[in-house]
Amino acid sequence: MDRQADTLTAGPGHAVTEAVNDAVRAAITRLVQSHEADLDAYKGPIYFMMHGLRSEERARELAAALHAALYGNLTPLTRAVPSTT
């Protein structure tokens, strides 16, 4: 399964903070390192994409978490992709 999220359709006034961008990039990096997403994942800052997700359900969970993060709510992302530390 493939999933992508972007800020391009949010409108010209929407901005993603550096903290959110860093959190999304770190989550995608963890997914790649755990082999849940393919190595060709794209980690922003405006466009995020992952390939090779194991199921439609997981892909939808991650897409929703990415969407929430791009609008400032990191909670779903930290639940979906917990830190390894």
C-alpha atoms as a PDB file:
ATOM      1  CA  MET A   1       0.000   0.000   0.000  1.00  0.00           C
ATOM      2  CA  ASP A   2       1.122   3.540  -0.681  1.00  0.00           C
ATOM      3  CA  ARG A   3       0.147   6.680   1.215  1.00  0.00           C
ATOM      4  CA  GLN A   4       0.926  10.326   0.770  1.00  0.00           C
ATOM      5  CA  ALA A   5       0.094  13.570   2.484  1.00  0.00           C
ATOM      6  CA  ASP A   6       0.886  17.108   1.504  1.00  0.00           C
ATOM      7  CA  THR A   7       0.334  20.714   2.501  1.00  0.00           C
ATOM      8  CA  LEU A   8      -0.176  21.916  -1.058  1.00  0.00           C
ATOM      9  CA  THR A   9      -3.987  21.843  -0.887  1.00  0.00           C
ATOM     10  CA  ALA A  10      -4.203  23.518   2.523  1.00  0.00           C
ATOM     11  CA  GLY A  11      -4.027  26.994   1.027  1.00  0.00           C
ATOM     12  CA  PRO A  12      -1.418  29.714   0.937  1.00  0.00           C
ATOM     13  CA  GLY A  13      -1.773  30.627   4.631  1.00  0.00           C
ATOM     14  CA  HIS A  14      -1.025  27.135   5.959  1.00  0.00           C
ATOM     15  CA  ALA A  15       2.435  26.557   7.363  1.00  0.00           C
ATOM     16  CA  VAL A  16       3.922  23.494   8.984  1.00  0.00           C
ATOM     17  CA  THR A  17       6.148  24.306  11.935  1.00  0.00           C
ATOM     18  CA  GLU A  18       9.697  23.046  12.083  1.00  0.00           C
ATOM     19  CA  ALA A  19       8.817  20.934  15.134  1.00  0.00           C
ATOM     20  CA  VAL A  20       5.979  19.205  13.252  1.00  0.00           C
ATOM     21  CA  ASN A  21       8.159  18.666  10.195  1.00  0.00           C
ATOM     22  CA  ASP A  22      10.890  17.168  12.382  1.00  0.00           C
ATOM     23  CA  ALA A  23       8.385  14.856  14.105  1.00  0.00           C
ATOM     24  CA  VAL A  24       6.948  13.634  10.779  1.00  0.00           C
ATOM     25  CA  ARG A  25      10.411  13.070   9.316  1.00  0.00           C
ATOM     26  CA  ALA A  26      11.472  11.136  12.429  1.00  0.00           C
ATOM     27  CA  ALA A  27       8.333   8.969  12.304  1.00  0.00           C
ATOM     28  CA  ILE A  28       8.854   8.133   8.638  1.00  0.00           C
ATOM     29  CA  THR A  29      12.515   7.360   9.342  1.00  0.00           C
ATOM     30  CA  ARG A  30      11.431   4.925  12.094  1.00  0.00           C
ATOM     31  CA  LEU A  31       8.984   3.265   9.684  1.00  0.00           C
ATOM     32  CA  VAL A  32      11.758   2.808   7.113  1.00  0.00           C
ATOM     33  CA  GLN A  33      14.231   1.531   9.720  1.00  0.00           C
ATOM     34  CA  SER A  34      11.705  -1.020  10.969  1.00  0.00           C
ATOM     35  CA  HIS A  35      11.068  -2.084   7.325  1.00  0.00           C
ATOM     36  CA  GLU A  36       7.407  -1.099   7.585  1.00  0.00           C
ATOM     37  CA  ALA A  37       7.845   1.440   4.767  1.00  0.00           C
ATOM     38  CA  ASP A  38      10.123   1.139   1.742  1.00  0.00           C
ATOM     39  CA  LEU A  39      13.455   2.967   1.529  1.00  0.00           C
ATOM     40  CA  ASP A  40      12.118   5.388  -1.101  1.00  0.00           C
ATOM     41  CA  ALA A  41       9.871   7.183   1.399  1.00  0.00           C
ATOM     42  CA  TYR A  42       9.810  10.928   0.807  1.00  0.00           C
ATOM     43  CA  LYS A  43      10.087  13.002   3.982  1.00  0.00           C
ATOM     44  CA  GLY A  44       8.903  16.505   3.155  1.00  0.00           C
ATOM     45  CA  PRO A  45       8.874  19.292   4.012  1.00  0.00           C
ATOM     46  CA  ILE A  46       5.832  19.912   1.820  1.00  0.00           C
ATOM     47  CA  TYR A  47       5.122  16.430   0.555  1.00  0.00           C
ATOM     48  CA  PHE A  48       5.347  13.112   2.427  1.00  0.00           C
ATOM     49  CA  MET A  49       4.992   9.677   0.834  1.00  0.00           C
ATOM     50  CA  MET A  50       5.486   6.059   1.875  1.00  0.00           C
ATOM     51  CA  HIS A  51       5.402   2.863  -0.198  1.00  0.00           C
ATOM     52  CA  GLY A  52       5.174  -0.775   0.803  1.00  0.00           C
ATOM     53  CA  LEU A  53       2.900  -0.509   3.823  1.00  0.00           C
ATOM     54  CA  ARG A  54       1.585  -3.896   4.927  1.00  0.00           C
ATOM     55  CA  SER A  55      -2.162  -3.274   4.757  1.00  0.00           C
ATOM     56  CA  GLU A  56      -4.840  -0.822   3.743  1.00  0.00           C
ATOM     57  CA  GLU A  57      -5.805  -0.412   7.399  1.00  0.00           C
ATOM     58  CA  ARG A  58      -2.260   0.537   8.425  1.00  0.00           C
ATOM     59  CA  ALA A  59      -1.903   2.825   5.424  1.00  0.00           C
ATOM     60  CA  ARG A  60      -5.107   4.645   6.388  1.00  0.00           C
ATOM     61  CA  GLU A  61      -3.987   4.911  10.017  1.00  0.00           C
ATOM     62  CA  LEU A  62      -0.691   6.480   8.961  1.00  0.00           C
ATOM     63  CA  ALA A  63      -2.334   8.803   6.440  1.00  0.00           C
ATOM     64  CA  ALA A  64      -4.745  10.070   9.104  1.00  0.00           C
ATOM     65  CA  ALA A  65      -1.881  10.499  11.578  1.00  0.00           C
ATOM     66  CA  LEU A  66       0.175  12.420   9.009  1.00  0.00           C
ATOM     67  CA  HIS A  67      -2.792  14.621   8.169  1.00  0.00           C
ATOM     68  CA  ALA A  68      -3.386  15.432  11.833  1.00  0.00           C
ATOM     69  CA  ALA A  69       0.315  16.171  12.324  1.00  0.00           C
ATOM     70  CA  LEU A  70       0.388  18.533   9.358  1.00  0.00           C
ATOM     71  CA  TYR A  71      -2.353  20.502  11.113  1.00  0.00           C
ATOM     72  CA  GLY A  72      -0.466  20.568  14.415  1.00  0.00           C
ATOM     73  CA  ASN A  73      -1.840  17.507  16.248  1.00  0.00           C
ATOM     74  CA  LEU A  74       1.049  15.096  16.813  1.00  0.00           C
ATOM     75  CA  THR A  75      -0.845  12.737  19.147  1.00  0.00           C
ATOM     76  CA  PRO A  76      -2.125  10.334  16.442  1.00  0.00           C
ATOM     77  CA  LEU A  77       1.350  10.175  14.906  1.00  0.00           C
ATOM     78  CA  THR A  78       3.071   9.393  18.208  1.00  0.00           C
ATOM     79  CA  ARG A  79       0.473   6.666  18.835  1.00  0.00           C
ATOM     80  CA  ALA A  80       0.824   5.200  15.334  1.00  0.00           C
ATOM     81  CA  VAL A  81       4.621   5.370  15.243  1.00  0.00           C
ATOM     82  CA  PRO A  82       5.994   5.408  18.797  1.00  0.00           C
ATOM     83  CA  SER A  83       9.526   6.524  19.459  1.00  0.00           C
ATOM     84  CA  THR A  84      12.032   3.737  19.984  1.00  0.00           C
ATOM     85  CA  THR A  85      13.684   5.520  22.903  1.00  0.00           C
END
